[in-house]
Amino acid sequence: MNISEYIQSGIIETVVMGLADSKDVAELEQLRRQYPEVEAYARECELWLEETAMQQATKVPAAGRAQFLQTLNTLSAEQDDMDSDRGSGQAPVIPVTTVQPKTIGSFKWMAAAAIILLVISAATNIYLYQQYTKVNQAYADLNNLNTELAKQNKQQETQLTAYNKSAEIFASPDYIKVPMAGKENYTATVFWNKKTAAVYLVANQLPAAPKGKQYQLWALVDGKPVDAGVLEDCGTICTAKNINEAQAFAITLENEGGSPTPNLEQLYVLGKITG
């Protein structure tokens, strides 16, 4: 047995206050004889109980004190008679009455009430902590939901802006539509404004670029390729570099980040300007 754990278990206090069963009482009596630390702690509890009981004691009235002394004298006389009878060989039977002081009984009820209040307080604290945890979790979930909704709203705003821009470009007579086609039915379309040099590209009919690769748009000016920018993940319509003059547009597959000159072996689509 771990004596330290036994002392800390609260059993000793329960026995001293008279709230334990006979098994715990017998066990404590045995351990008090075996372990000085148990005896010391039990004695300390008993002294504390006695001091508390004395503090809670009620002063006995004078009349009660006189009656108590009279009763004590009577008991003393009966004891003398019993001793005399024992000398004559007779052994009278004296009824034994267990007297429990009122203050000790009251203290037991006070101790029991304190234990009940402690249990109720602990249960209340556990309940409040559980409710606090639930509220915190609900608040965190609400924050996560708001963040996700804000993210989705931003994406929708970006898509709506792109759609509006696409509609404006598609409907504007200032833009020249340059269809591009190539191998394996790949297609893309350039919208070029000769007045502002703005260039937009719709490239949704190209396959996804392999890892480490990126599509690059070129403008052919007097037979020479001019970089018009690499294609990012721009959704419906991509914004390219401004081009002032061009006779055609083409798209090649280059290393990620683009190239100063096109890799004609990776030419995907090409389209001439007819307007």
C-alpha atoms as a PDB file:
ATOM      1  CA  MET A   1       0.000   0.000   0.000  1.00  0.00           C
ATOM      2  CA  ASN A   2       1.199   3.497  -0.824  1.00  0.00           C
ATOM      3  CA  ILE A   3       0.905   5.337   2.499  1.00  0.00           C
ATOM      4  CA  SER A   4       1.207   8.782   0.918  1.00  0.00           C
ATOM      5  CA  GLU A   5      -1.718   8.044  -1.404  1.00  0.00           C
ATOM      6  CA  TYR A   6      -3.703   6.630   1.511  1.00  0.00           C
ATOM      7  CA  ILE A   7      -3.163   9.801   3.562  1.00  0.00           C
ATOM      8  CA  GLN A   8      -4.157  11.975   0.600  1.00  0.00           C
ATOM      9  CA  SER A   9      -7.237   9.855  -0.225  1.00  0.00           C
ATOM     10  CA  GLY A  10      -9.444  11.521   2.404  1.00  0.00           C
ATOM     11  CA  ILE A  11     -10.300   8.248   4.156  1.00  0.00           C
ATOM     12  CA  ILE A  12      -8.671   9.371   7.414  1.00  0.00           C
ATOM     13  CA  GLU A  13     -10.764  12.553   7.521  1.00  0.00           C
ATOM     14  CA  THR A  14     -13.924  10.522   6.803  1.00  0.00           C
ATOM     15  CA  VAL A  15     -13.170   8.097   9.667  1.00  0.00           C
ATOM     16  CA  VAL A  16     -12.334  10.892  12.110  1.00  0.00           C
ATOM     17  CA  MET A  17     -15.582  12.713  11.305  1.00  0.00           C
ATOM     18  CA  GLY A  18     -17.559   9.489  11.862  1.00  0.00           C
ATOM     19  CA  LEU A  19     -18.749   9.203   8.271  1.00  0.00           C
ATOM     20  CA  ALA A  20     -16.898   5.974   7.337  1.00  0.00           C
ATOM     21  CA  ASP A  21     -18.003   2.365   7.537  1.00  0.00           C
ATOM     22  CA  SER A  22     -16.581  -0.205   9.910  1.00  0.00           C
ATOM     23  CA  LYS A  23     -14.139  -1.573   7.331  1.00  0.00           C
ATOM     24  CA  ASP A  24     -12.419   1.793   6.876  1.00  0.00           C
ATOM     25  CA  VAL A  25     -12.372   2.312  10.648  1.00  0.00           C
ATOM     26  CA  ALA A  26     -10.676  -1.051  11.246  1.00  0.00           C
ATOM     27  CA  GLU A  27      -8.186  -0.451   8.470  1.00  0.00           C
ATOM     28  CA  LEU A  28      -7.216   2.946   9.901  1.00  0.00           C
ATOM     29  CA  GLU A  29      -6.728   1.510  13.373  1.00  0.00           C
ATOM     30  CA  GLN A  30      -4.381  -1.131  11.974  1.00  0.00           C
ATOM     31  CA  LEU A  31      -2.413   1.368   9.865  1.00  0.00           C
ATOM     32  CA  ARG A  32      -2.070   3.764  12.800  1.00  0.00           C
ATOM     33  CA  ARG A  33      -0.260   1.023  14.705  1.00  0.00           C
ATOM     34  CA  GLN A  34       1.992   0.180  11.748  1.00  0.00           C
ATOM     35  CA  TYR A  35       2.868   3.607  10.308  1.00  0.00           C
ATOM     36  CA  PRO A  36       3.849   6.597  12.478  1.00  0.00           C
ATOM     37  CA  GLU A  37       2.976   9.018   9.653  1.00  0.00           C
ATOM     38  CA  VAL A  38      -0.583   7.675   9.555  1.00  0.00           C
ATOM     39  CA  GLU A  39      -0.849   7.991  13.350  1.00  0.00           C
ATOM     40  CA  ALA A  40       0.498  11.566  13.204  1.00  0.00           C
ATOM     41  CA  TYR A  41      -1.907  12.641  10.478  1.00  0.00           C
ATOM     42  CA  ALA A  42      -4.907  10.936  12.134  1.00  0.00           C
ATOM     43  CA  ARG A  43      -4.037  12.599  15.445  1.00  0.00           C
ATOM     44  CA  GLU A  44      -3.775  15.952  13.678  1.00  0.00           C
ATOM     45  CA  CYS A  45      -7.261  15.429  12.219  1.00  0.00           C
ATOM     46  CA  GLU A  46      -8.650  14.495  15.617  1.00  0.00           C
ATOM     47  CA  LEU A  47      -7.149  17.597  17.220  1.00  0.00           C
ATOM     48  CA  TRP A  48      -8.602  19.745  14.464  1.00  0.00           C
ATOM     49  CA  LEU A  49     -12.011  18.110  15.021  1.00  0.00           C
ATOM     50  CA  GLU A  50     -11.787  18.698  18.766  1.00  0.00           C
ATOM     51  CA  GLU A  51     -10.819  22.346  18.291  1.00  0.00           C
ATOM     52  CA  THR A  52     -13.684  22.848  15.852  1.00  0.00           C
ATOM     53  CA  ALA A  53     -16.125  21.147  18.186  1.00  0.00           C
ATOM     54  CA  MET A  54     -14.966  23.362  21.071  1.00  0.00           C
ATOM     55  CA  GLN A  55     -15.470  26.438  18.933  1.00  0.00           C
ATOM     56  CA  GLN A  56     -19.012  25.283  18.112  1.00  0.00           C
ATOM     57  CA  ALA A  57     -19.817  24.232  21.714  1.00  0.00           C
ATOM     58  CA  THR A  58     -22.688  25.933  23.561  1.00  0.00           C
ATOM     59  CA  LYS A  59     -22.114  27.173  27.103  1.00  0.00           C
ATOM     60  CA  VAL A  60     -24.003  25.041  29.621  1.00  0.00           C
ATOM     61  CA  PRO A  61     -26.514  27.001  31.759  1.00  0.00           C
ATOM     62  CA  ALA A  62     -25.960  27.055  35.525  1.00  0.00           C
ATOM     63  CA  ALA A  63     -29.019  24.867  36.169  1.00  0.00           C
ATOM     64  CA  GLY A  64     -27.810  22.298  33.695  1.00  0.00           C
ATOM     65  CA  ARG A  65     -24.361  22.330  35.229  1.00  0.00           C
ATOM     66  CA  ALA A  66     -25.801  21.588  38.676  1.00  0.00           C
ATOM     67  CA  GLN A  67     -27.870  18.742  37.281  1.00  0.00           C
ATOM     68  CA  PHE A  68     -24.801  17.326  35.532  1.00  0.00           C
ATOM     69  CA  LEU A  69     -22.808  17.387  38.798  1.00  0.00           C
ATOM     70  CA  GLN A  70     -25.684  15.672  40.633  1.00  0.00           C
ATOM     71  CA  THR A  71     -25.815  12.960  37.967  1.00  0.00           C
ATOM     72  CA  LEU A  72     -22.057  12.534  38.229  1.00  0.00           C
ATOM     73  CA  ASN A  73     -22.311  12.073  42.006  1.00  0.00           C
ATOM     74  CA  THR A  74     -25.069   9.491  41.539  1.00  0.00           C
ATOM     75  CA  LEU A  75     -22.957   7.537  39.072  1.00  0.00           C
ATOM     76  CA  SER A  76     -20.024   7.681  41.494  1.00  0.00           C
ATOM     77  CA  ALA A  77     -22.193   6.273  44.264  1.00  0.00           C
ATOM     78  CA  GLU A  78     -23.402   3.484  41.999  1.00  0.00           C
ATOM     79  CA  GLN A  79     -19.803   2.691  41.147  1.00  0.00           C
ATOM     80  CA  ASP A  80     -18.970   2.372  44.834  1.00  0.00           C
ATOM     81  CA  ASP A  81     -21.913  -0.003  45.329  1.00  0.00           C
ATOM     82  CA  MET A  82     -20.735  -2.040  42.379  1.00  0.00           C
ATOM     83  CA  ASP A  83     -17.253  -2.299  43.837  1.00  0.00           C
ATOM     84  CA  SER A  84     -18.780  -3.392  47.164  1.00  0.00           C
ATOM     85  CA  ASP A  85     -20.894  -6.033  45.446  1.00  0.00           C
ATOM     86  CA  ARG A  86     -17.838  -7.260  43.538  1.00  0.00           C
ATOM     87  CA  GLY A  87     -16.099  -7.741  46.888  1.00  0.00           C
ATOM     88  CA  SER A  88     -18.994  -9.842  48.112  1.00  0.00           C
ATOM     89  CA  GLY A  89     -18.811 -12.037  45.044  1.00  0.00           C
ATOM     90  CA  GLN A  90     -21.879 -10.618  43.305  1.00  0.00           C
ATOM     91  CA  ALA A  91     -21.574  -9.128  39.841  1.00  0.00           C
ATOM     92  CA  PRO A  92     -24.530  -6.835  39.125  1.00  0.00           C
ATOM     93  CA  VAL A  93     -25.367  -6.079  35.536  1.00  0.00           C
ATOM     94  CA  ILE A  94     -24.970  -2.386  34.726  1.00  0.00           C
ATOM     95  CA  PRO A  95     -26.629  -1.205  31.474  1.00  0.00           C
ATOM     96  CA  VAL A  96     -24.164   0.474  29.173  1.00  0.00           C
ATOM     97  CA  THR A  97     -25.358   3.590  27.379  1.00  0.00           C
ATOM     98  CA  THR A  98     -23.390   5.211  24.610  1.00  0.00           C
ATOM     99  CA  VAL A  99     -23.535   8.960  24.904  1.00  0.00           C
ATOM    100  CA  GLN A 100     -22.679  11.023  21.826  1.00  0.00           C
ATOM    101  CA  PRO A 101     -22.065  14.726  22.486  1.00  0.00           C
ATOM    102  CA  LYS A 102     -24.470  17.040  20.721  1.00  0.00           C
ATOM    103  CA  THR A 103     -21.687  19.143  19.314  1.00  0.00           C
ATOM    104  CA  ILE A 104     -20.046  16.148  17.619  1.00  0.00           C
ATOM    105  CA  GLY A 105     -23.343  15.117  16.010  1.00  0.00           C
ATOM    106  CA  SER A 106     -23.912  18.652  14.796  1.00  0.00           C
ATOM    107  CA  PHE A 107     -20.428  18.763  13.392  1.00  0.00           C
ATOM    108  CA  LYS A 108     -21.029  15.531  11.492  1.00  0.00           C
ATOM    109  CA  TRP A 109     -24.094  17.052   9.885  1.00  0.00           C
ATOM    110  CA  MET A 110     -22.106  20.190   9.074  1.00  0.00           C
ATOM    111  CA  ALA A 111     -19.314  18.106   7.562  1.00  0.00           C
ATOM    112  CA  ALA A 112     -21.788  16.069   5.510  1.00  0.00           C
ATOM    113  CA  ALA A 113     -23.440  19.265   4.270  1.00  0.00           C
ATOM    114  CA  ALA A 114     -20.024  20.689   3.358  1.00  0.00           C
ATOM    115  CA  ILE A 115     -19.203  17.559   1.352  1.00  0.00           C
ATOM    116  CA  ILE A 116     -22.554  17.745  -0.458  1.00  0.00           C
ATOM    117  CA  LEU A 117     -21.980  21.412  -1.272  1.00  0.00           C
ATOM    118  CA  LEU A 118     -18.493  20.565  -2.540  1.00  0.00           C
ATOM    119  CA  VAL A 119     -19.899  17.876  -4.846  1.00  0.00           C
ATOM    120  CA  ILE A 120     -22.597  20.237  -6.131  1.00  0.00           C
ATOM    121  CA  SER A 121     -20.006  22.963  -6.695  1.00  0.00           C
ATOM    122  CA  ALA A 122     -17.734  20.581  -8.606  1.00  0.00           C
ATOM    123  CA  ALA A 123     -20.629  19.349 -10.754  1.00  0.00           C
ATOM    124  CA  THR A 124     -21.661  22.937 -11.468  1.00  0.00           C
ATOM    125  CA  ASN A 125     -18.113  23.865 -12.442  1.00  0.00           C
ATOM    126  CA  ILE A 126     -17.885  20.880 -14.786  1.00  0.00           C
ATOM    127  CA  TYR A 127     -21.207  21.797 -16.388  1.00  0.00           C
ATOM    128  CA  LEU A 128     -20.201  25.444 -16.839  1.00  0.00           C
ATOM    129  CA  TYR A 129     -16.846  24.401 -18.306  1.00  0.00           C
ATOM    130  CA  GLN A 130     -18.582  22.092 -20.780  1.00  0.00           C
ATOM    131  CA  GLN A 131     -20.933  24.897 -21.799  1.00  0.00           C
ATOM    132  CA  TYR A 132     -17.971  27.267 -22.143  1.00  0.00           C
ATOM    133  CA  THR A 133     -16.185  24.750 -24.371  1.00  0.00           C
ATOM    134  CA  LYS A 134     -19.296  24.314 -26.532  1.00  0.00           C
ATOM    135  CA  VAL A 135     -19.688  28.081 -26.924  1.00  0.00           C
ATOM    136  CA  ASN A 136     -16.028  28.469 -27.856  1.00  0.00           C
ATOM    137  CA  GLN A 137     -16.318  25.672 -30.424  1.00  0.00           C
ATOM    138  CA  ALA A 138     -19.487  27.198 -31.875  1.00  0.00           C
ATOM    139  CA  TYR A 139     -17.738  30.577 -32.091  1.00  0.00           C
ATOM    140  CA  ALA A 140     -14.745  28.999 -33.864  1.00  0.00           C
ATOM    141  CA  ASP A 141     -17.057  27.163 -36.281  1.00  0.00           C
ATOM    142  CA  LEU A 142     -18.889  30.413 -37.003  1.00  0.00           C
ATOM    143  CA  ASN A 143     -15.604  32.193 -37.713  1.00  0.00           C
ATOM    144  CA  ASN A 144     -14.525  29.397 -40.046  1.00  0.00           C
ATOM    145  CA  LEU A 145     -17.881  29.580 -41.825  1.00  0.00           C
ATOM    146  CA  ASN A 146     -17.595  33.351 -42.219  1.00  0.00           C
ATOM    147  CA  THR A 147     -14.065  32.979 -43.595  1.00  0.00           C
ATOM    148  CA  GLU A 148     -15.195  30.350 -46.091  1.00  0.00           C
ATOM    149  CA  LEU A 149     -18.201  32.443 -47.161  1.00  0.00           C
ATOM    150  CA  ALA A 150     -15.970  35.490 -47.599  1.00  0.00           C
ATOM    151  CA  LYS A 151     -13.569  33.423 -49.710  1.00  0.00           C
ATOM    152  CA  GLN A 152     -16.407  32.098 -51.873  1.00  0.00           C
ATOM    153  CA  ASN A 153     -17.845  35.596 -52.214  1.00  0.00           C
ATOM    154  CA  LYS A 154     -14.439  36.890 -53.358  1.00  0.00           C
ATOM    155  CA  GLN A 155     -14.185  34.112 -55.927  1.00  0.00           C
ATOM    156  CA  GLN A 156     -17.673  34.871 -57.200  1.00  0.00           C
ATOM    157  CA  GLU A 157     -16.863  38.576 -57.452  1.00  0.00           C
ATOM    158  CA  THR A 158     -13.702  37.748 -59.428  1.00  0.00           C
ATOM    159  CA  GLN A 159     -15.637  35.450 -61.760  1.00  0.00           C
ATOM    160  CA  LEU A 160     -18.395  38.040 -62.217  1.00  0.00           C
ATOM    161  CA  THR A 161     -15.814  40.708 -63.032  1.00  0.00           C
ATOM    162  CA  ALA A 162     -14.202  38.389 -65.582  1.00  0.00           C
ATOM    163  CA  TYR A 163     -17.578  37.565 -67.156  1.00  0.00           C
ATOM    164  CA  ASN A 164     -18.477  41.250 -67.375  1.00  0.00           C
ATOM    165  CA  LYS A 165     -15.103  42.040 -68.907  1.00  0.00           C
ATOM    166  CA  SER A 166     -15.525  39.185 -71.383  1.00  0.00           C
ATOM    167  CA  ALA A 167     -18.972  40.388 -72.389  1.00  0.00           C
ATOM    168  CA  GLU A 168     -17.655  43.912 -72.862  1.00  0.00           C
ATOM    169  CA  ILE A 169     -14.764  42.716 -75.029  1.00  0.00           C
ATOM    170  CA  PHE A 170     -16.832  40.266 -77.056  1.00  0.00           C
ATOM    171  CA  ALA A 171     -19.436  42.925 -77.839  1.00  0.00           C
ATOM    172  CA  SER A 172     -17.039  45.810 -78.547  1.00  0.00           C
ATOM    173  CA  PRO A 173     -16.368  46.652 -82.217  1.00  0.00           C
ATOM    174  CA  ASP A 174     -12.929  47.977 -81.222  1.00  0.00           C
ATOM    175  CA  TYR A 175     -11.574  44.468 -80.707  1.00  0.00           C
ATOM    176  CA  ILE A 176     -10.364  42.266 -83.542  1.00  0.00           C
ATOM    177  CA  LYS A 177     -11.177  38.609 -82.987  1.00  0.00           C
ATOM    178  CA  VAL A 178      -8.266  36.356 -83.990  1.00  0.00           C
ATOM    179  CA  PRO A 179      -9.174  32.621 -83.867  1.00  0.00           C
ATOM    180  CA  MET A 180      -6.207  30.264 -83.468  1.00  0.00           C
ATOM    181  CA  ALA A 181      -6.149  26.545 -84.247  1.00  0.00           C
ATOM    182  CA  GLY A 182      -3.546  23.814 -84.203  1.00  0.00           C
ATOM    183  CA  LYS A 183      -2.859  20.137 -83.830  1.00  0.00           C
ATOM    184  CA  GLU A 184      -5.319  17.722 -82.222  1.00  0.00           C
ATOM    185  CA  ASN A 185      -8.165  20.257 -82.495  1.00  0.00           C
ATOM    186  CA  TYR A 186      -6.585  22.638 -79.988  1.00  0.00           C
ATOM    187  CA  THR A 187      -8.051  26.154 -80.218  1.00  0.00           C
ATOM    188  CA  ALA A 188      -7.730  29.561 -78.591  1.00  0.00           C
ATOM    189  CA  THR A 189      -8.922  33.087 -79.376  1.00  0.00           C
ATOM    190  CA  VAL A 190      -7.181  36.468 -79.150  1.00  0.00           C
ATOM    191  CA  PHE A 191      -9.081  39.746 -78.826  1.00  0.00           C
ATOM    192  CA  TRP A 192      -6.832  42.643 -79.902  1.00  0.00           C
ATOM    193  CA  ASN A 193      -7.625  46.340 -79.723  1.00  0.00           C
ATOM    194  CA  LYS A 194      -5.470  48.156 -82.280  1.00  0.00           C
ATOM    195  CA  LYS A 195      -6.342  51.551 -80.791  1.00  0.00           C
ATOM    196  CA  THR A 196      -5.285  50.770 -77.186  1.00  0.00           C
ATOM    197  CA  ALA A 197      -2.900  47.832 -77.978  1.00  0.00           C
ATOM    198  CA  ALA A 198      -4.791  45.768 -75.356  1.00  0.00           C
ATOM    199  CA  VAL A 199      -4.694  41.998 -75.847  1.00  0.00           C
ATOM    200  CA  TYR A 200      -6.977  39.417 -74.219  1.00  0.00           C
ATOM    201  CA  LEU A 201      -6.880  35.663 -74.680  1.00  0.00           C
ATOM    202  CA  VAL A 202      -9.433  32.878 -74.260  1.00  0.00           C
ATOM    203  CA  ALA A 203      -7.530  29.589 -74.090  1.00  0.00           C
ATOM    204  CA  ASN A 204     -10.008  27.136 -72.608  1.00  0.00           C
ATOM    205  CA  GLN A 205      -9.494  24.605 -75.427  1.00  0.00           C
ATOM    206  CA  LEU A 206      -5.846  23.937 -74.571  1.00  0.00           C
ATOM    207  CA  PRO A 207      -4.837  20.991 -72.405  1.00  0.00           C
ATOM    208  CA  ALA A 208      -3.417  21.626 -68.954  1.00  0.00           C
ATOM    209  CA  ALA A 209       0.282  22.443 -69.092  1.00  0.00           C
ATOM    210  CA  PRO A 210       2.574  19.725 -67.680  1.00  0.00           C
ATOM    211  CA  LYS A 211       4.404  20.348 -64.415  1.00  0.00           C
ATOM    212  CA  GLY A 212       7.296  22.743 -64.927  1.00  0.00           C
ATOM    213  CA  LYS A 213       5.833  24.010 -68.228  1.00  0.00           C
ATOM    214  CA  GLN A 214       3.751  27.057 -69.143  1.00  0.00           C
ATOM    215  CA  TYR A 215       1.976  28.326 -72.261  1.00  0.00           C
ATOM    216  CA  GLN A 216       3.321  31.535 -73.818  1.00  0.00           C
ATOM    217  CA  LEU A 217       1.579  33.891 -76.267  1.00  0.00           C
ATOM    218  CA  TRP A 218       3.506  35.419 -79.174  1.00  0.00           C
ATOM    219  CA  ALA A 219       2.679  38.186 -81.608  1.00  0.00           C
ATOM    220  CA  LEU A 220       4.231  37.890 -85.054  1.00  0.00           C
ATOM    221  CA  VAL A 221       5.428  41.354 -86.148  1.00  0.00           C
ATOM    222  CA  ASP A 222       6.984  41.513 -89.620  1.00  0.00           C
ATOM    223  CA  GLY A 223       7.708  37.794 -89.373  1.00  0.00           C
ATOM    224  CA  LYS A 224       9.441  38.057 -85.957  1.00  0.00           C
ATOM    225  CA  PRO A 225       7.955  36.698 -82.694  1.00  0.00           C
ATOM    226  CA  VAL A 226       7.312  39.212 -79.932  1.00  0.00           C
ATOM    227  CA  ASP A 227       6.626  38.047 -76.380  1.00  0.00           C
ATOM    228  CA  ALA A 228       3.011  38.757 -75.367  1.00  0.00           C
ATOM    229  CA  GLY A 229       3.237  37.083 -71.952  1.00  0.00           C
ATOM    230  CA  VAL A 230       2.811  33.693 -70.314  1.00  0.00           C
ATOM    231  CA  LEU A 231      -0.620  32.266 -69.533  1.00  0.00           C
ATOM    232  CA  GLU A 232      -1.559  32.215 -65.858  1.00  0.00           C
ATOM    233  CA  ASP A 233      -4.539  30.477 -64.261  1.00  0.00           C
ATOM    234  CA  CYS A 234      -6.890  33.309 -65.215  1.00  0.00           C
ATOM    235  CA  GLY A 235     -10.177  31.462 -65.689  1.00  0.00           C
ATOM    236  CA  THR A 236     -12.445  32.701 -68.463  1.00  0.00           C
ATOM    237  CA  ILE A 237     -10.216  35.349 -70.044  1.00  0.00           C
ATOM    238  CA  CYS A 238      -6.517  36.186 -69.666  1.00  0.00           C
ATOM    239  CA  THR A 239      -4.884  39.586 -69.952  1.00  0.00           C
ATOM    240  CA  ALA A 240      -1.764  39.572 -72.167  1.00  0.00           C
ATOM    241  CA  LYS A 241       0.886  42.198 -72.822  1.00  0.00           C
ATOM    242  CA  ASN A 242       0.001  45.156 -74.976  1.00  0.00           C
ATOM    243  CA  ILE A 243       0.861  44.734 -78.665  1.00  0.00           C
ATOM    244  CA  ASN A 244       0.931  47.740 -81.021  1.00  0.00           C
ATOM    245  CA  GLU A 245       1.439  45.911 -84.315  1.00  0.00           C
ATOM    246  CA  ALA A 246       0.914  42.281 -85.300  1.00  0.00           C
ATOM    247  CA  GLN A 247       0.118  40.135 -88.310  1.00  0.00           C
ATOM    248  CA  ALA A 248      -0.582  36.935 -86.348  1.00  0.00           C
ATOM    249  CA  PHE A 249      -0.647  35.364 -82.886  1.00  0.00           C
ATOM    250  CA  ALA A 250       0.650  31.976 -81.723  1.00  0.00           C
ATOM    251  CA  ILE A 251       0.954  29.927 -78.536  1.00  0.00           C
ATOM    252  CA  THR A 252       3.863  27.633 -77.648  1.00  0.00           C
ATOM    253  CA  LEU A 253       4.618  25.465 -74.630  1.00  0.00           C
ATOM    254  CA  GLU A 254       7.715  26.714 -72.821  1.00  0.00           C
ATOM    255  CA  ASN A 255       9.518  26.145 -69.554  1.00  0.00           C
ATOM    256  CA  GLU A 256       7.783  27.687 -66.560  1.00  0.00           C
ATOM    257  CA  GLY A 257       8.385  31.434 -66.491  1.00  0.00           C
ATOM    258  CA  GLY A 258       8.527  31.821 -70.284  1.00  0.00           C
ATOM    259  CA  SER A 259      11.254  32.058 -72.882  1.00  0.00           C
ATOM    260  CA  PRO A 260      12.793  34.949 -74.878  1.00  0.00           C
ATOM    261  CA  THR A 261      12.301  32.965 -78.110  1.00  0.00           C
ATOM    262  CA  PRO A 262       9.546  30.495 -78.998  1.00  0.00           C
ATOM    263  CA  ASN A 263      10.089  26.735 -79.158  1.00  0.00           C
ATOM    264  CA  LEU A 264       8.509  26.058 -82.553  1.00  0.00           C
ATOM    265  CA  GLU A 265       8.582  22.309 -81.912  1.00  0.00           C
ATOM    266  CA  GLN A 266       6.013  22.986 -79.165  1.00  0.00           C
ATOM    267  CA  LEU A 267       3.760  25.229 -81.284  1.00  0.00           C
ATOM    268  CA  TYR A 268       0.168  24.484 -80.270  1.00  0.00           C
ATOM    269  CA  VAL A 269      -2.018  27.041 -82.074  1.00  0.00           C
ATOM    270  CA  LEU A 270      -1.571  29.803 -84.672  1.00  0.00           C
ATOM    271  CA  GLY A 271      -3.947  32.430 -86.086  1.00  0.00           C
ATOM    272  CA  LYS A 272      -3.507  35.191 -88.679  1.00  0.00           C
ATOM    273  CA  ILE A 273      -5.114  38.620 -88.407  1.00  0.00           C
ATOM    274  CA  THR A 274      -7.522  39.160 -91.291  1.00  0.00           C
ATOM    275  CA  GLY A 275      -9.289  42.319 -90.232  1.00  0.00           C
END
